[in-house]
Amino acid sequence: MGLTCIYCGWYGTSQSFEVDHIVPLSRGGSSTIPNLRWICSGCNRKKGKMSHEEYLAWRLINFYTANYGPKAR
């Protein structure tokens, strides 16, 4: 089964994806289904403790250093 990362558009197998908290646990988010989604491991590393909105903004500002695929640059 293939998955697509909502941030970078990378398509791959589930082994290259991780569960992401839309609102990070460290910022009061929960581990319930509405707060979870699959993203590639590279984007998950780059996103870190950023919220969904913060990471989207960061990707726009840092276009050339943003992640594209499972290996974070």
C-alpha atoms as a PDB file:
ATOM      1  CA  MET A   1       0.000   0.000   0.000  1.00  0.00           C
ATOM      2  CA  GLY A   2       1.372   3.397  -0.936  1.00  0.00           C
ATOM      3  CA  LEU A   3       1.056   6.625   1.005  1.00  0.00           C
ATOM      4  CA  THR A   4       1.601  10.236  -0.034  1.00  0.00           C
ATOM      5  CA  CYS A   5       3.121  12.848   2.288  1.00  0.00           C
ATOM      6  CA  ILE A   6       0.794  15.847   2.578  1.00  0.00           C
ATOM      7  CA  TYR A   7       3.750  18.226   2.908  1.00  0.00           C
ATOM      8  CA  CYS A   8       6.254  17.220   0.226  1.00  0.00           C
ATOM      9  CA  GLY A   9       4.101  14.971  -1.973  1.00  0.00           C
ATOM     10  CA  TRP A  10       6.528  12.059  -1.725  1.00  0.00           C
ATOM     11  CA  TYR A  11       4.881   8.721  -2.511  1.00  0.00           C
ATOM     12  CA  GLY A  12       6.169   5.515  -0.957  1.00  0.00           C
ATOM     13  CA  THR A  13       5.540   2.489   1.188  1.00  0.00           C
ATOM     14  CA  SER A  14       4.388   2.650   4.779  1.00  0.00           C
ATOM     15  CA  GLN A  15       7.929   1.824   5.993  1.00  0.00           C
ATOM     16  CA  SER A  16       9.021   5.341   4.988  1.00  0.00           C
ATOM     17  CA  PHE A  17       6.163   7.042   6.818  1.00  0.00           C
ATOM     18  CA  GLU A  18       5.556   7.935  10.458  1.00  0.00           C
ATOM     19  CA  VAL A  19       2.540   8.988  12.478  1.00  0.00           C
ATOM     20  CA  ASP A  20       2.554  12.753  12.984  1.00  0.00           C
ATOM     21  CA  HIS A  21       0.697  14.723  15.632  1.00  0.00           C
ATOM     22  CA  ILE A  22      -0.957  17.711  13.938  1.00  0.00           C
ATOM     23  CA  VAL A  23      -0.754  19.573  17.252  1.00  0.00           C
ATOM     24  CA  PRO A  24       2.391  18.206  18.931  1.00  0.00           C
ATOM     25  CA  LEU A  25       2.044  16.455  22.287  1.00  0.00           C
ATOM     26  CA  SER A  26       4.463  18.993  23.764  1.00  0.00           C
ATOM     27  CA  ARG A  27       1.981  21.744  22.858  1.00  0.00           C
ATOM     28  CA  GLY A  28      -1.121  20.111  24.298  1.00  0.00           C
ATOM     29  CA  GLY A  29      -2.051  17.847  21.399  1.00  0.00           C
ATOM     30  CA  SER A  30      -3.501  14.404  21.916  1.00  0.00           C
ATOM     31  CA  SER A  31      -2.892  10.959  20.458  1.00  0.00           C
ATOM     32  CA  THR A  32      -6.468  10.657  19.218  1.00  0.00           C
ATOM     33  CA  ILE A  33      -7.293   9.877  15.584  1.00  0.00           C
ATOM     34  CA  PRO A  34      -8.343  13.458  14.634  1.00  0.00           C
ATOM     35  CA  ASN A  35      -4.868  14.710  15.683  1.00  0.00           C
ATOM     36  CA  LEU A  36      -2.876  12.012  13.853  1.00  0.00           C
ATOM     37  CA  ARG A  37      -1.820  11.527  10.228  1.00  0.00           C
ATOM     38  CA  TRP A  38       0.860   9.827   8.173  1.00  0.00           C
ATOM     39  CA  ILE A  39       3.745  11.923   6.813  1.00  0.00           C
ATOM     40  CA  CYS A  40       7.126  10.868   5.454  1.00  0.00           C
ATOM     41  CA  SER A  41       9.881  10.414   7.992  1.00  0.00           C
ATOM     42  CA  GLY A  42      11.908  13.294   6.535  1.00  0.00           C
ATOM     43  CA  CYS A  43       9.096  15.824   6.952  1.00  0.00           C
ATOM     44  CA  ASN A  44       8.354  14.485  10.426  1.00  0.00           C
ATOM     45  CA  ARG A  45      11.988  15.146  11.432  1.00  0.00           C
ATOM     46  CA  LYS A  46      11.942  18.653   9.970  1.00  0.00           C
ATOM     47  CA  LYS A  47       8.522  19.469  11.469  1.00  0.00           C
ATOM     48  CA  GLY A  48       9.644  18.551  14.969  1.00  0.00           C
ATOM     49  CA  LYS A  49       7.556  20.477  17.510  1.00  0.00           C
ATOM     50  CA  MET A  50       6.040  22.867  14.971  1.00  0.00           C
ATOM     51  CA  SER A  51       2.291  22.937  14.458  1.00  0.00           C
ATOM     52  CA  HIS A  52       0.826  22.182  11.038  1.00  0.00           C
ATOM     53  CA  GLU A  53       0.483  25.902  10.247  1.00  0.00           C
ATOM     54  CA  GLU A  54       3.992  26.730  11.461  1.00  0.00           C
ATOM     55  CA  TYR A  55       5.527  23.972   9.361  1.00  0.00           C
ATOM     56  CA  LEU A  56       3.627  25.065   6.243  1.00  0.00           C
ATOM     57  CA  ALA A  57       4.896  28.624   6.759  1.00  0.00           C
ATOM     58  CA  TRP A  58       8.438  27.347   7.405  1.00  0.00           C
ATOM     59  CA  ARG A  59       8.343  25.343   4.157  1.00  0.00           C
ATOM     60  CA  LEU A  60       7.338  28.451   2.185  1.00  0.00           C
ATOM     61  CA  ILE A  61      10.121  30.539   3.686  1.00  0.00           C
ATOM     62  CA  ASN A  62      12.747  27.775   3.449  1.00  0.00           C
ATOM     63  CA  PHE A  63      11.780  26.360   0.081  1.00  0.00           C
ATOM     64  CA  TYR A  64      15.283  25.198  -0.861  1.00  0.00           C
ATOM     65  CA  THR A  65      16.032  23.534   2.476  1.00  0.00           C
ATOM     66  CA  ALA A  66      12.590  21.980   2.961  1.00  0.00           C
ATOM     67  CA  ASN A  67      12.373  18.214   2.907  1.00  0.00           C
ATOM     68  CA  TYR A  68      11.322  16.190  -0.144  1.00  0.00           C
ATOM     69  CA  GLY A  69      11.111  12.513   0.733  1.00  0.00           C
ATOM     70  CA  PRO A  70      11.948  10.222   3.621  1.00  0.00           C
ATOM     71  CA  LYS A  71      15.517  11.403   4.215  1.00  0.00           C
ATOM     72  CA  ALA A  72      15.673  14.819   5.863  1.00  0.00           C
ATOM     73  CA  ARG A  73      18.345  17.066   4.417  1.00  0.00           C
END
